[in-house]
């Protein structure tokens, strides 16, 4: 990545909807030159995607800290929850907690459900210790890469759980998985 690539990225971080012509004008380049560089950057160095303002939408975020007993169990958890719309990111670390997840929920009942029920990370084999830290305040930028599922046709959640017979879902203490037809939330 050179100075021009960094400048393109900087412009897009300030305005993700900047056109090739606008970027080219700011850089003193042709639009085609910017396009070639942008195409090259998009092959593994950058990803252009919409982010949601979690504070504006009233979305609750939390950090989940887990001590997982083995690398095999850790890989199985990450794979099982690969397509879970409530998990924003996983982070593998060293130390007493070796797996962290940044998650979201639309309300505290749903947050409690996704940390207690069979769809939770806590209930997975290999979890020795588990702590959850709801985030009270996000500094600098409250835009996050929240997965929005447009067509909610699935019966089972991506993790294999069926929301339809969950006690908390039936008693309106959980909005359900955002990837299923049972989902009652706003995303």
N, C-alpha and C. Protein backbone atom coordinates (compact mmCIF):
# COMPACT_ATOMS: atom_id res chain seq x y z
N UNK A 1 0.85 -1.17 0.00
CA UNK A 1 0.00 0.00 0.00
C UNK A 1 0.90 1.24 0.00
N UNK A 2 0.66 2.12 -0.94
CA UNK A 2 1.47 3.34 -1.00
C UNK A 2 0.64 4.55 -0.57
N UNK A 3 1.22 5.72 -0.72
CA UNK A 3 0.57 6.96 -0.28
C UNK A 3 -0.77 7.20 -0.97
N UNK A 4 -0.84 6.92 -2.27
CA UNK A 4 -2.10 7.12 -3.00
C UNK A 4 -3.18 6.16 -2.51
N UNK A 5 -2.81 4.92 -2.25
CA UNK A 5 -3.78 3.95 -1.71
C UNK A 5 -4.30 4.42 -0.36
N UNK A 6 -3.40 4.89 0.49
CA UNK A 6 -3.81 5.37 1.82
C UNK A 6 -4.75 6.57 1.69
N UNK A 7 -4.49 7.44 0.72
CA UNK A 7 -5.33 8.62 0.49
C UNK A 7 -6.74 8.19 0.05
N UNK A 8 -6.83 7.22 -0.86
CA UNK A 8 -8.13 6.71 -1.30
C UNK A 8 -8.90 6.14 -0.11
N UNK A 9 -8.23 5.35 0.69
CA UNK A 9 -8.87 4.77 1.87
C UNK A 9 -9.34 5.86 2.82
N UNK A 10 -8.51 6.85 3.05
CA UNK A 10 -8.86 7.95 3.95
C UNK A 10 -10.10 8.70 3.45
N UNK A 11 -10.15 8.97 2.15
CA UNK A 11 -11.31 9.66 1.58
C UNK A 11 -12.57 8.82 1.76
N UNK A 12 -12.48 7.51 1.50
CA UNK A 12 -13.65 6.64 1.65
C UNK A 12 -14.07 6.47 3.11
N UNK A 13 -13.12 6.53 4.04
CA UNK A 13 -13.48 6.44 5.45
C UNK A 13 -14.24 7.69 5.90
N UNK A 14 -13.94 8.81 5.28
CA UNK A 14 -14.66 10.04 5.61
C UNK A 14 -16.02 10.09 4.92
N UNK A 15 -16.09 9.54 3.70
CA UNK A 15 -17.34 9.53 2.94
C UNK A 15 -17.37 8.27 2.08
N UNK A 16 -18.03 7.24 2.60
CA UNK A 16 -18.10 5.96 1.90
C UNK A 16 -18.85 6.02 0.60
N UNK A 17 -19.59 7.10 0.36
CA UNK A 17 -20.35 7.24 -0.88
C UNK A 17 -19.64 8.13 -1.90
N UNK A 18 -18.38 8.49 -1.63
CA UNK A 18 -17.63 9.32 -2.57
C UNK A 18 -17.52 8.61 -3.92
N UNK A 19 -17.77 9.34 -4.99
CA UNK A 19 -17.68 8.75 -6.32
C UNK A 19 -16.23 8.69 -6.77
N UNK A 20 -15.98 7.91 -7.81
CA UNK A 20 -14.63 7.83 -8.37
C UNK A 20 -14.17 9.21 -8.82
N UNK A 21 -15.08 9.98 -9.41
CA UNK A 21 -14.74 11.33 -9.87
C UNK A 21 -14.36 12.24 -8.71
N UNK A 22 -15.10 12.16 -7.60
CA UNK A 22 -14.80 12.99 -6.44
C UNK A 22 -13.44 12.62 -5.84
N UNK A 23 -13.17 11.33 -5.75
CA UNK A 23 -11.88 10.88 -5.22
C UNK A 23 -10.76 11.34 -6.15
N UNK A 24 -10.97 11.15 -7.45
CA UNK A 24 -9.95 11.52 -8.44
C UNK A 24 -9.64 13.01 -8.36
N UNK A 25 -10.68 13.83 -8.20
CA UNK A 25 -10.48 15.28 -8.12
C UNK A 25 -9.64 15.65 -6.90
N UNK A 26 -9.92 15.03 -5.76
CA UNK A 26 -9.17 15.32 -4.54
C UNK A 26 -7.72 14.87 -4.63
N UNK A 27 -7.48 13.86 -5.46
CA UNK A 27 -6.14 13.29 -5.54
C UNK A 27 -5.34 13.79 -6.73
N UNK A 28 -6.01 14.48 -7.65
CA UNK A 28 -5.31 14.92 -8.86
C UNK A 28 -5.00 13.76 -9.80
N UNK A 29 -5.91 12.80 -9.85
CA UNK A 29 -5.74 11.63 -10.70
C UNK A 29 -6.96 11.51 -11.62
N UNK A 30 -6.89 10.57 -12.54
CA UNK A 30 -8.07 10.28 -13.38
C UNK A 30 -8.98 9.33 -12.62
N UNK A 31 -10.26 9.35 -12.96
CA UNK A 31 -11.22 8.44 -12.34
C UNK A 31 -10.83 6.99 -12.64
N UNK A 32 -10.32 6.72 -13.83
CA UNK A 32 -9.92 5.36 -14.20
C UNK A 32 -8.71 4.92 -13.36
N UNK A 33 -7.79 5.84 -13.08
CA UNK A 33 -6.64 5.52 -12.23
C UNK A 33 -7.09 5.16 -10.82
N UNK A 34 -8.07 5.91 -10.30
CA UNK A 34 -8.62 5.63 -8.97
C UNK A 34 -9.32 4.28 -8.98
N UNK A 35 -10.09 4.02 -10.03
CA UNK A 35 -10.82 2.74 -10.13
C UNK A 35 -9.86 1.56 -10.12
N UNK A 36 -8.78 1.64 -10.87
CA UNK A 36 -7.80 0.55 -10.92
C UNK A 36 -7.20 0.31 -9.54
N UNK A 37 -6.86 1.39 -8.85
CA UNK A 37 -6.29 1.25 -7.50
C UNK A 37 -7.33 0.68 -6.53
N UNK A 38 -8.55 1.15 -6.63
CA UNK A 38 -9.61 0.68 -5.75
C UNK A 38 -9.90 -0.80 -6.00
N UNK A 39 -9.95 -1.21 -7.26
CA UNK A 39 -10.16 -2.62 -7.59
C UNK A 39 -9.06 -3.48 -6.99
N UNK A 40 -7.84 -3.00 -7.07
CA UNK A 40 -6.69 -3.73 -6.52
C UNK A 40 -6.78 -3.81 -4.99
N UNK A 41 -7.19 -2.72 -4.35
CA UNK A 41 -7.33 -2.71 -2.90
C UNK A 41 -8.44 -3.66 -2.43
N UNK A 42 -9.49 -3.76 -3.23
CA UNK A 42 -10.63 -4.61 -2.85
C UNK A 42 -10.31 -6.10 -2.96
N UNK A 43 -9.17 -6.44 -3.47
CA UNK A 43 -8.76 -7.85 -3.54
C UNK A 43 -7.97 -8.21 -2.29
N UNK A 44 -8.62 -8.08 -1.13
CA UNK A 44 -8.00 -8.53 0.12
C UNK A 44 -7.55 -7.47 1.09
N UNK A 45 -7.39 -6.22 0.66
CA UNK A 45 -6.89 -5.19 1.59
C UNK A 45 -8.01 -4.36 2.21
N UNK A 46 -9.08 -4.13 1.46
CA UNK A 46 -10.21 -3.37 2.01
C UNK A 46 -11.51 -4.05 1.62
N UNK A 47 -12.54 -3.72 2.38
CA UNK A 47 -13.89 -4.21 2.10
C UNK A 47 -14.83 -3.03 2.27
N UNK A 48 -15.60 -2.74 1.25
CA UNK A 48 -16.57 -1.66 1.33
C UNK A 48 -17.91 -2.26 1.73
N UNK A 49 -18.43 -1.82 2.87
CA UNK A 49 -19.67 -2.38 3.38
C UNK A 49 -20.41 -1.34 4.20
N UNK A 50 -21.75 -1.40 4.22
CA UNK A 50 -22.47 -0.45 5.07
C UNK A 50 -22.35 -0.84 6.54
N UNK A 51 -22.25 0.16 7.39
CA UNK A 51 -22.20 -0.05 8.82
C UNK A 51 -23.44 0.57 9.44
N UNK A 52 -23.91 0.02 10.55
CA UNK A 52 -25.09 0.55 11.22
C UNK A 52 -24.68 1.32 12.47
N UNK A 53 -25.36 2.42 12.71
CA UNK A 53 -25.11 3.23 13.90
C UNK A 53 -25.89 2.60 15.05
N UNK A 54 -25.20 1.83 15.89
CA UNK A 54 -25.88 1.09 16.95
C UNK A 54 -26.49 2.01 18.01
N UNK A 55 -25.88 3.14 18.25
CA UNK A 55 -26.46 4.08 19.23
C UNK A 55 -27.74 4.69 18.70
N UNK A 56 -27.74 5.10 17.44
CA UNK A 56 -28.93 5.69 16.83
C UNK A 56 -30.08 4.68 16.76
N UNK A 57 -29.76 3.41 16.54
CA UNK A 57 -30.77 2.37 16.43
C UNK A 57 -31.15 1.77 17.79
N UNK A 58 -30.48 2.19 18.85
CA UNK A 58 -30.79 1.67 20.18
C UNK A 58 -30.40 0.21 20.36
N UNK A 59 -29.34 -0.21 19.71
CA UNK A 59 -28.88 -1.59 19.78
C UNK A 59 -27.88 -1.71 20.93
N UNK A 60 -28.03 -2.77 21.71
CA UNK A 60 -27.15 -3.04 22.84
C UNK A 60 -26.01 -3.92 22.34
N UNK A 61 -24.79 -3.54 22.67
CA UNK A 61 -23.64 -4.36 22.33
C UNK A 61 -23.01 -4.88 23.61
N UNK A 62 -22.30 -5.98 23.49
CA UNK A 62 -21.63 -6.57 24.65
C UNK A 62 -20.39 -7.32 24.19
N UNK A 63 -19.44 -7.40 25.10
CA UNK A 63 -18.25 -8.21 24.86
C UNK A 63 -18.40 -9.47 25.71
N UNK A 64 -18.22 -10.62 25.07
CA UNK A 64 -18.27 -11.90 25.77
C UNK A 64 -16.85 -12.43 25.85
N UNK A 65 -16.41 -12.74 27.07
CA UNK A 65 -15.08 -13.30 27.30
C UNK A 65 -15.24 -14.77 27.68
N UNK A 66 -14.50 -15.64 26.99
CA UNK A 66 -14.62 -17.07 27.24
C UNK A 66 -13.25 -17.71 27.39
N UNK A 67 -13.18 -18.64 28.32
CA UNK A 67 -12.02 -19.51 28.40
C UNK A 67 -12.46 -20.83 27.79
N UNK A 68 -11.85 -21.19 26.67
CA UNK A 68 -12.19 -22.41 25.96
C UNK A 68 -11.10 -23.43 26.23
N UNK A 69 -11.48 -24.66 26.53
CA UNK A 69 -10.54 -25.67 27.02
C UNK A 69 -9.52 -26.16 26.01
N UNK A 70 -9.82 -26.08 24.71
CA UNK A 70 -8.87 -26.60 23.73
C UNK A 70 -9.01 -25.86 22.41
N UNK A 71 -8.00 -25.96 21.58
CA UNK A 71 -8.06 -25.32 20.27
C UNK A 71 -9.13 -25.98 19.40
N UNK A 72 -9.37 -27.27 19.59
CA UNK A 72 -10.40 -27.98 18.84
C UNK A 72 -11.78 -27.42 19.21
N UNK A 73 -12.05 -27.26 20.49
CA UNK A 73 -13.33 -26.70 20.94
C UNK A 73 -13.50 -25.27 20.45
N UNK A 74 -12.42 -24.51 20.48
CA UNK A 74 -12.45 -23.12 20.01
C UNK A 74 -12.82 -23.06 18.53
N UNK A 75 -12.19 -23.89 17.70
CA UNK A 75 -12.50 -23.92 16.26
C UNK A 75 -13.95 -24.33 16.01
N UNK A 76 -14.45 -25.30 16.79
CA UNK A 76 -15.84 -25.75 16.62
C UNK A 76 -16.82 -24.64 16.95
N UNK A 77 -16.56 -23.88 17.99
CA UNK A 77 -17.44 -22.75 18.36
C UNK A 77 -17.43 -21.70 17.26
N UNK A 78 -16.25 -21.33 16.80
CA UNK A 78 -16.15 -20.31 15.76
C UNK A 78 -16.87 -20.76 14.49
N UNK A 79 -16.73 -22.01 14.13
CA UNK A 79 -17.39 -22.52 12.92
C UNK A 79 -18.91 -22.58 13.11
N UNK A 80 -19.36 -23.06 14.27
CA UNK A 80 -20.80 -23.19 14.51
C UNK A 80 -21.51 -21.83 14.43
N UNK A 81 -20.83 -20.78 14.89
CA UNK A 81 -21.46 -19.46 14.94
C UNK A 81 -21.00 -18.54 13.80
N UNK A 82 -20.36 -19.11 12.78
CA UNK A 82 -19.86 -18.33 11.63
C UNK A 82 -20.93 -17.42 11.03
N UNK A 83 -22.15 -17.92 10.88
CA UNK A 83 -23.21 -17.14 10.23
C UNK A 83 -24.23 -16.57 11.21
N UNK A 84 -23.90 -16.59 12.49
CA UNK A 84 -24.81 -16.03 13.49
C UNK A 84 -24.90 -14.51 13.31
N UNK A 85 -26.10 -13.98 13.04
CA UNK A 85 -26.20 -12.53 12.83
C UNK A 85 -25.94 -11.71 14.09
N UNK A 86 -26.03 -12.31 15.26
CA UNK A 86 -25.83 -11.55 16.50
C UNK A 86 -24.36 -11.40 16.89
N UNK A 87 -23.49 -12.17 16.27
CA UNK A 87 -22.06 -12.05 16.55
C UNK A 87 -21.45 -11.13 15.51
N UNK A 88 -20.91 -10.01 15.99
CA UNK A 88 -20.28 -9.04 15.10
C UNK A 88 -18.88 -9.51 14.73
N UNK A 89 -18.12 -9.94 15.71
CA UNK A 89 -16.74 -10.41 15.49
C UNK A 89 -16.34 -11.38 16.59
N UNK A 90 -15.47 -12.32 16.23
CA UNK A 90 -14.76 -13.16 17.20
C UNK A 90 -13.32 -12.69 17.25
N UNK A 91 -12.68 -12.83 18.42
CA UNK A 91 -11.28 -12.50 18.59
C UNK A 91 -10.63 -13.62 19.40
N UNK A 92 -9.61 -14.26 18.84
CA UNK A 92 -8.85 -15.27 19.56
C UNK A 92 -7.65 -14.56 20.18
N UNK A 93 -7.44 -14.80 21.47
CA UNK A 93 -6.37 -14.12 22.19
C UNK A 93 -5.57 -15.12 23.01
N UNK A 94 -4.55 -14.62 23.68
CA UNK A 94 -3.81 -15.43 24.63
C UNK A 94 -4.18 -14.93 26.02
N UNK A 95 -3.91 -15.71 27.02
CA UNK A 95 -4.26 -15.31 28.38
C UNK A 95 -5.33 -16.22 28.93
N UNK A 96 -5.88 -15.86 30.09
CA UNK A 96 -6.85 -16.75 30.72
C UNK A 96 -8.15 -16.85 29.91
N UNK A 97 -8.58 -15.77 29.30
CA UNK A 97 -9.68 -15.84 28.34
C UNK A 97 -9.04 -15.92 26.96
N UNK A 98 -9.44 -16.92 26.18
CA UNK A 98 -8.79 -17.07 24.87
C UNK A 98 -9.72 -16.85 23.69
N UNK A 99 -10.99 -16.56 23.96
CA UNK A 99 -11.93 -16.23 22.89
C UNK A 99 -12.84 -15.11 23.36
N UNK A 100 -12.92 -14.07 22.56
CA UNK A 100 -13.83 -12.96 22.84
C UNK A 100 -14.79 -12.82 21.66
N UNK A 101 -15.99 -12.36 21.96
CA UNK A 101 -16.96 -12.09 20.90
C UNK A 101 -17.59 -10.74 21.17
N UNK A 102 -17.77 -9.98 20.12
CA UNK A 102 -18.55 -8.74 20.18
C UNK A 102 -19.92 -9.10 19.64
N UNK A 103 -20.96 -8.94 20.47
CA UNK A 103 -22.31 -9.36 20.09
C UNK A 103 -23.28 -8.19 20.22
N UNK A 104 -24.50 -8.37 19.71
CA UNK A 104 -25.52 -7.34 19.87
C UNK A 104 -26.88 -7.97 20.15
N UNK A 105 -27.75 -7.15 20.73
CA UNK A 105 -29.16 -7.50 20.93
C UNK A 105 -29.95 -6.20 20.90
N UNK A 106 -31.23 -6.32 20.63
CA UNK A 106 -32.08 -5.12 20.54
C UNK A 106 -32.62 -4.68 21.90
N UNK A 107 -32.63 -5.59 22.87
CA UNK A 107 -33.10 -5.24 24.21
C UNK A 107 -32.41 -6.16 25.23
N UNK A 108 -32.55 -5.83 26.51
CA UNK A 108 -31.85 -6.60 27.54
C UNK A 108 -32.43 -7.99 27.73
N UNK A 109 -33.72 -8.19 27.46
CA UNK A 109 -34.29 -9.54 27.53
C UNK A 109 -33.64 -10.44 26.49
N UNK A 110 -33.49 -9.93 25.28
CA UNK A 110 -32.85 -10.73 24.23
C UNK A 110 -31.38 -10.95 24.54
N UNK A 111 -30.70 -9.95 25.09
CA UNK A 111 -29.29 -10.12 25.47
C UNK A 111 -29.16 -11.22 26.51
N UNK A 112 -30.06 -11.22 27.48
CA UNK A 112 -30.05 -12.26 28.50
C UNK A 112 -30.30 -13.64 27.86
N UNK A 113 -31.24 -13.70 26.93
CA UNK A 113 -31.55 -14.97 26.27
C UNK A 113 -30.38 -15.51 25.49
N UNK A 114 -29.70 -14.65 24.74
CA UNK A 114 -28.61 -15.16 23.91
C UNK A 114 -27.35 -15.44 24.73
N UNK A 115 -27.41 -15.16 26.03
CA UNK A 115 -26.28 -15.54 26.89
C UNK A 115 -26.64 -16.69 27.82
N UNK A 116 -27.90 -17.14 27.81
CA UNK A 116 -28.33 -18.22 28.70
C UNK A 116 -28.85 -19.46 27.97
N UNK A 117 -29.53 -19.27 26.87
CA UNK A 117 -30.25 -20.36 26.22
C UNK A 117 -29.34 -21.24 25.37
N UNK A 118 -29.94 -22.23 24.73
CA UNK A 118 -29.16 -23.19 23.92
C UNK A 118 -28.49 -22.55 22.72
N UNK A 119 -28.90 -21.36 22.35
CA UNK A 119 -28.25 -20.64 21.25
C UNK A 119 -27.05 -19.83 21.74
N UNK A 120 -26.76 -19.90 23.03
CA UNK A 120 -25.71 -19.06 23.60
C UNK A 120 -24.31 -19.66 23.43
N UNK A 121 -23.34 -18.80 23.44
CA UNK A 121 -21.95 -19.25 23.44
C UNK A 121 -21.64 -19.99 24.74
N UNK A 122 -22.24 -19.55 25.83
CA UNK A 122 -21.99 -20.14 27.16
C UNK A 122 -22.34 -21.64 27.18
N UNK A 123 -23.34 -22.05 26.42
CA UNK A 123 -23.83 -23.43 26.46
C UNK A 123 -23.01 -24.39 25.59
N UNK A 124 -21.97 -23.90 24.95
CA UNK A 124 -21.21 -24.74 24.02
C UNK A 124 -20.21 -25.64 24.75
N UNK A 125 -20.01 -26.85 24.24
CA UNK A 125 -19.01 -27.75 24.84
C UNK A 125 -17.63 -27.11 24.78
N UNK A 126 -16.89 -27.26 25.86
CA UNK A 126 -15.53 -26.74 25.91
C UNK A 126 -15.38 -25.39 26.59
N UNK A 127 -16.50 -24.76 26.95
CA UNK A 127 -16.42 -23.46 27.64
C UNK A 127 -16.16 -23.73 29.12
N UNK A 128 -15.03 -23.26 29.62
CA UNK A 128 -14.70 -23.40 31.05
C UNK A 128 -15.23 -22.23 31.86
N UNK A 129 -15.02 -21.05 31.33
CA UNK A 129 -15.40 -19.82 32.02
C UNK A 129 -16.00 -18.87 31.01
N UNK A 130 -16.93 -18.03 31.48
CA UNK A 130 -17.68 -17.16 30.58
C UNK A 130 -18.07 -15.91 31.34
N UNK A 131 -17.78 -14.76 30.78
CA UNK A 131 -18.23 -13.49 31.36
C UNK A 131 -18.78 -12.63 30.23
N UNK A 132 -19.77 -11.84 30.56
CA UNK A 132 -20.33 -10.92 29.57
C UNK A 132 -20.27 -9.51 30.12
N UNK A 133 -19.90 -8.58 29.24
CA UNK A 133 -19.75 -7.18 29.62
C UNK A 133 -20.57 -6.31 28.67
N UNK A 134 -21.80 -5.93 29.06
CA UNK A 134 -22.57 -5.02 28.21
C UNK A 134 -21.81 -3.70 28.06
N UNK A 135 -21.79 -3.18 26.87
CA UNK A 135 -21.06 -1.94 26.58
C UNK A 135 -21.98 -0.77 26.87
N UNK A 136 -21.54 0.12 27.71
CA UNK A 136 -22.34 1.29 28.08
C UNK A 136 -22.16 2.44 27.11
N UNK A 137 -20.95 2.58 26.58
CA UNK A 137 -20.68 3.73 25.73
C UNK A 137 -19.60 3.37 24.71
N UNK A 138 -19.82 3.79 23.47
CA UNK A 138 -18.84 3.59 22.41
C UNK A 138 -18.26 4.95 22.06
N UNK A 139 -16.94 5.04 22.02
CA UNK A 139 -16.30 6.31 21.72
C UNK A 139 -15.86 6.39 20.27
N UNK A 140 -15.81 7.59 19.76
CA UNK A 140 -15.30 7.96 18.44
C UNK A 140 -16.27 7.66 17.31
N UNK A 141 -16.80 6.43 17.25
CA UNK A 141 -17.64 6.06 16.11
C UNK A 141 -18.52 4.89 16.52
N UNK A 142 -19.83 5.05 16.46
CA UNK A 142 -20.73 3.99 16.91
C UNK A 142 -21.29 3.17 15.75
N UNK A 143 -20.62 3.20 14.60
CA UNK A 143 -21.03 2.41 13.45
C UNK A 143 -20.35 1.05 13.50
N UNK A 144 -21.15 -0.02 13.43
CA UNK A 144 -20.60 -1.38 13.48
C UNK A 144 -21.16 -2.21 12.33
N UNK A 145 -20.44 -3.26 12.01
CA UNK A 145 -20.80 -4.16 10.92
C UNK A 145 -21.80 -5.21 11.44
N UNK A 146 -23.05 -4.80 11.55
CA UNK A 146 -24.13 -5.68 12.01
C UNK A 146 -24.69 -6.41 10.79
N UNK A 147 -24.80 -7.73 10.90
CA UNK A 147 -25.35 -8.51 9.79
C UNK A 147 -26.87 -8.34 9.76
N UNK A 148 -27.39 -7.86 8.65
CA UNK A 148 -28.84 -7.72 8.47
C UNK A 148 -29.27 -8.80 7.48
N UNK A 149 -30.23 -9.64 7.88
CA UNK A 149 -30.74 -10.69 7.01
C UNK A 149 -32.05 -10.20 6.42
N UNK A 150 -32.07 -10.01 5.11
CA UNK A 150 -33.26 -9.46 4.44
C UNK A 150 -34.40 -10.47 4.39
N UNK A 151 -34.14 -11.67 3.88
CA UNK A 151 -35.18 -12.70 3.77
C UNK A 151 -35.11 -13.60 4.98
N UNK A 152 -36.15 -13.55 5.77
CA UNK A 152 -36.18 -14.36 7.00
C UNK A 152 -37.09 -15.57 6.76
N UNK A 153 -36.55 -16.55 6.06
CA UNK A 153 -37.34 -17.72 5.67
C UNK A 153 -36.93 -18.97 6.43
N UNK A 154 -35.83 -18.92 7.15
CA UNK A 154 -35.32 -20.09 7.84
C UNK A 154 -36.18 -20.47 9.04
N UNK A 155 -36.30 -21.77 9.27
CA UNK A 155 -36.94 -22.28 10.49
C UNK A 155 -35.90 -22.30 11.63
N UNK A 156 -34.72 -22.87 11.32
CA UNK A 156 -33.66 -22.99 12.32
C UNK A 156 -32.66 -21.85 12.16
N UNK A 157 -32.11 -21.42 13.27
CA UNK A 157 -31.05 -20.40 13.25
C UNK A 157 -29.80 -21.01 12.60
N UNK A 158 -28.88 -20.17 12.12
CA UNK A 158 -27.65 -20.69 11.53
C UNK A 158 -26.86 -21.62 12.46
N UNK A 159 -27.02 -21.47 13.77
CA UNK A 159 -26.33 -22.33 14.73
C UNK A 159 -27.06 -23.65 14.95
N UNK A 160 -28.24 -23.81 14.31
CA UNK A 160 -28.99 -25.06 14.41
C UNK A 160 -30.11 -25.05 15.43
N UNK A 161 -30.29 -23.96 16.15
CA UNK A 161 -31.33 -23.88 17.19
C UNK A 161 -32.67 -23.46 16.56
N UNK A 162 -33.75 -24.02 17.10
CA UNK A 162 -35.11 -23.70 16.66
C UNK A 162 -35.75 -22.76 17.68
N UNK A 163 -35.99 -21.51 17.29
CA UNK A 163 -36.54 -20.51 18.22
C UNK A 163 -38.00 -20.79 18.59
N UNK A 164 -38.73 -21.46 17.70
CA UNK A 164 -40.17 -21.63 17.87
C UNK A 164 -40.60 -22.31 19.15
N UNK A 165 -39.75 -23.17 19.73
CA UNK A 165 -40.14 -23.85 20.96
C UNK A 165 -39.32 -23.41 22.17
N UNK A 166 -38.64 -22.29 22.07
CA UNK A 166 -37.84 -21.76 23.17
C UNK A 166 -38.77 -21.07 24.18
N UNK A 167 -38.60 -21.40 25.45
CA UNK A 167 -39.43 -20.82 26.50
C UNK A 167 -39.36 -19.29 26.50
N UNK A 168 -38.16 -18.76 26.40
CA UNK A 168 -38.00 -17.30 26.47
C UNK A 168 -38.63 -16.63 25.25
N UNK A 169 -38.53 -17.25 24.10
CA UNK A 169 -39.16 -16.70 22.89
C UNK A 169 -40.68 -16.74 23.05
N UNK A 170 -41.20 -17.86 23.50
CA UNK A 170 -42.66 -18.01 23.67
C UNK A 170 -43.22 -17.04 24.70
N UNK A 171 -42.42 -16.68 25.71
CA UNK A 171 -42.89 -15.76 26.75
C UNK A 171 -42.50 -14.31 26.46
N UNK A 172 -42.15 -14.02 25.20
CA UNK A 172 -41.78 -12.66 24.75
C UNK A 172 -40.61 -12.06 25.51
N UNK A 173 -39.68 -12.91 25.91
CA UNK A 173 -38.46 -12.45 26.58
C UNK A 173 -37.26 -12.56 25.66
N UNK A 174 -37.52 -12.83 24.38
CA UNK A 174 -36.48 -12.86 23.37
C UNK A 174 -37.13 -12.57 22.03
N UNK A 175 -36.45 -11.80 21.21
CA UNK A 175 -36.99 -11.45 19.89
C UNK A 175 -36.72 -12.53 18.85
N UNK A 176 -35.95 -13.54 19.21
CA UNK A 176 -35.63 -14.61 18.27
C UNK A 176 -34.39 -14.29 17.45
N UNK A 177 -33.98 -15.26 16.67
CA UNK A 177 -32.80 -15.09 15.83
C UNK A 177 -33.14 -14.24 14.61
N UNK A 178 -32.35 -13.22 14.33
CA UNK A 178 -32.60 -12.34 13.18
C UNK A 178 -32.52 -13.02 11.82
N UNK A 179 -32.09 -14.27 11.78
CA UNK A 179 -32.00 -14.98 10.50
C UNK A 179 -33.19 -15.89 10.26
N UNK A 180 -34.15 -15.92 11.21
CA UNK A 180 -35.27 -16.85 11.08
C UNK A 180 -36.60 -16.14 10.90
N UNK A 181 -37.60 -16.91 10.50
CA UNK A 181 -38.95 -16.36 10.34
C UNK A 181 -39.60 -16.03 11.68
N UNK A 182 -39.01 -16.48 12.78
CA UNK A 182 -39.55 -16.20 14.10
C UNK A 182 -39.15 -14.82 14.63
N UNK A 183 -38.20 -14.20 14.00
CA UNK A 183 -37.65 -12.93 14.49
C UNK A 183 -38.72 -11.84 14.56
N UNK A 184 -38.79 -11.16 15.74
CA UNK A 184 -39.76 -10.08 15.96
C UNK A 184 -39.11 -8.72 16.13
N UNK A 185 -37.83 -8.62 15.85
CA UNK A 185 -37.12 -7.36 16.04
C UNK A 185 -37.23 -6.44 14.83
N UNK A 186 -36.50 -5.35 14.86
CA UNK A 186 -36.60 -4.31 13.84
C UNK A 186 -35.53 -4.40 12.75
N UNK A 187 -34.61 -5.34 12.86
CA UNK A 187 -33.56 -5.44 11.84
C UNK A 187 -33.97 -6.43 10.80
